[in-house]
Amino acid sequence: MLSRILTVVLVFSLVSCSNWVFRRDIPQGNYLEQKDINKLQIAMTKEQVKFILGSPVLADSFSNDTWHYVYKFKSGRSTKFDAMKKFIIQFKDEKVVSASGDFEIPESFYTPMIN
């Protein structure tokens, strides 16, 4: 009887220590910063955008003129995503025509590039 009680106490004490287990943070996608977004301008080529922001996580399968940059972060202590940011760039004739998403579009974005 004493061994069963000790076993139950041991199991419960080990289960209570499960919060001490290290769980790794999980970043996924393109991590973008506002300073990178500030470098974008209308009429940039796809190669120029790729140089500044990197390759997009998702390019629209039906229209190669829309790029999606998505970033998700999940803390090891959480069961859901703690942060999620999206940024979408649209092209026409291989040049940037618009951008939208969770970042502030600077006024300089609307000034066309001088080639």
Protein backbone atom coordinates (compact mmCIF):
# COMPACT_ATOMS: atom_id res chain seq x y z
CA MET A 1 0.00 0.00 0.00
CA LEU A 2 2.82 2.40 0.88
CA SER A 3 4.53 1.77 -2.48
CA ARG A 4 1.34 2.67 -4.36
CA ILE A 5 0.97 5.92 -2.45
CA LEU A 6 4.62 6.80 -3.11
CA THR A 7 4.16 6.00 -6.80
CA VAL A 8 1.10 8.25 -7.06
CA VAL A 9 2.90 11.07 -5.21
CA LEU A 10 5.94 10.69 -7.51
CA VAL A 11 3.79 10.76 -10.65
CA PHE A 12 1.92 13.88 -9.52
CA SER A 13 5.14 15.64 -8.58
CA LEU A 14 6.65 14.89 -11.99
CA VAL A 15 3.52 16.10 -13.79
CA SER A 16 3.62 19.36 -11.86
CA CYS A 17 7.16 19.95 -13.17
CA SER A 18 6.02 19.82 -16.82
CA ASN A 19 5.95 23.64 -16.97
CA TRP A 20 9.70 23.66 -16.50
CA VAL A 21 10.28 21.96 -19.84
CA PHE A 22 11.97 24.25 -22.36
CA ARG A 23 9.94 24.88 -25.49
CA ARG A 24 11.57 26.61 -28.42
CA ASP A 25 10.16 29.81 -29.94
CA ILE A 26 8.99 29.27 -33.52
CA PRO A 27 9.40 32.15 -36.01
CA GLN A 28 7.99 31.47 -39.49
CA GLY A 29 8.08 33.45 -42.72
CA ASN A 30 9.65 36.78 -43.64
CA TYR A 31 10.59 39.01 -40.72
CA LEU A 32 10.20 42.56 -42.01
CA GLU A 33 10.97 45.82 -40.28
CA GLN A 34 9.56 49.27 -40.94
CA LYS A 35 13.00 50.50 -42.04
CA ASP A 36 12.92 47.98 -44.91
CA ILE A 37 9.41 49.03 -45.93
CA ASN A 38 10.60 52.66 -45.95
CA LYS A 39 13.07 51.79 -48.75
CA LEU A 40 10.32 50.75 -51.18
CA GLN A 41 9.09 53.04 -53.95
CA ILE A 42 6.56 52.90 -56.75
CA ALA A 43 8.00 51.62 -60.05
CA MET A 44 10.68 49.44 -58.44
CA THR A 45 11.37 46.22 -60.28
CA LYS A 46 10.75 42.80 -58.78
CA GLU A 47 14.50 42.27 -58.44
CA GLN A 48 14.88 45.51 -56.48
CA VAL A 49 12.06 44.53 -54.13
CA LYS A 50 13.56 41.06 -53.68
CA PHE A 51 16.93 42.67 -52.83
CA ILE A 52 15.33 44.82 -50.11
CA LEU A 53 12.76 42.41 -48.61
CA GLY A 54 13.95 39.00 -49.74
CA SER A 55 11.90 36.39 -51.54
CA PRO A 56 8.19 36.38 -50.71
CA VAL A 57 6.69 33.55 -48.70
CA LEU A 58 3.86 33.28 -51.19
CA ALA A 59 3.54 34.36 -54.79
CA ASP A 60 0.00 34.22 -56.15
CA SER A 61 -0.32 31.10 -58.32
CA PHE A 62 -2.87 32.64 -60.64
CA SER A 63 -1.21 36.02 -60.97
CA ASN A 64 2.55 36.35 -60.67
CA ASP A 65 1.99 40.05 -59.99
CA THR A 66 1.11 39.73 -56.28
CA TRP A 67 3.67 38.90 -53.60
CA HIS A 68 2.72 38.08 -50.02
CA TYR A 69 5.15 38.53 -47.15
CA VAL A 70 3.86 36.83 -44.00
CA TYR A 71 5.51 36.48 -40.60
CA LYS A 72 4.22 34.46 -37.66
CA PHE A 73 5.79 34.05 -34.25
CA LYS A 74 4.81 31.47 -31.67
CA SER A 75 6.36 31.56 -28.23
CA GLY A 76 7.31 28.22 -26.71
CA ARG A 77 5.08 29.06 -23.76
CA SER A 78 2.01 29.72 -25.87
CA THR A 79 -0.42 27.50 -27.74
CA LYS A 80 -1.29 30.11 -30.36
CA PHE A 81 0.63 32.56 -32.53
CA ASP A 82 1.73 35.60 -30.51
CA ALA A 83 2.47 37.84 -33.49
CA MET A 84 1.40 37.86 -37.11
CA LYS A 85 2.27 40.45 -39.74
CA LYS A 86 1.31 40.59 -43.42
CA PHE A 87 2.57 42.74 -46.27
CA ILE A 88 1.33 42.51 -49.86
CA ILE A 89 2.99 44.04 -52.91
CA GLN A 90 1.31 44.25 -56.30
CA PHE A 91 3.11 44.65 -59.60
CA LYS A 92 2.07 45.64 -63.09
CA ASP A 93 4.45 45.18 -66.02
CA GLU A 94 7.14 43.98 -63.57
CA LYS A 95 6.99 47.26 -61.57
CA VAL A 96 5.53 48.00 -58.11
CA VAL A 97 2.13 49.69 -58.29
CA SER A 98 0.82 49.28 -54.73
CA ALA A 99 1.58 47.92 -51.28
CA SER A 100 -0.60 47.22 -48.27
CA GLY A 101 -0.52 45.39 -45.00
CA ASP A 102 0.40 45.72 -41.35
CA PHE A 103 3.14 48.30 -41.93
CA GLU A 104 2.88 52.04 -42.44
CA ILE A 105 3.45 53.02 -46.07
CA PRO A 106 5.80 56.05 -46.09
CA GLU A 107 5.11 59.15 -48.15
CA SER A 108 8.32 58.48 -50.10
CA PHE A 109 6.75 55.27 -51.43
CA TYR A 110 4.59 57.29 -53.80
CA THR A 111 7.58 59.04 -55.40
CA PRO A 112 8.57 57.04 -58.51
CA MET A 113 12.10 55.73 -58.84
CA ILE A 114 14.41 57.64 -61.15
CA ASN A 115 16.27 55.23 -63.43
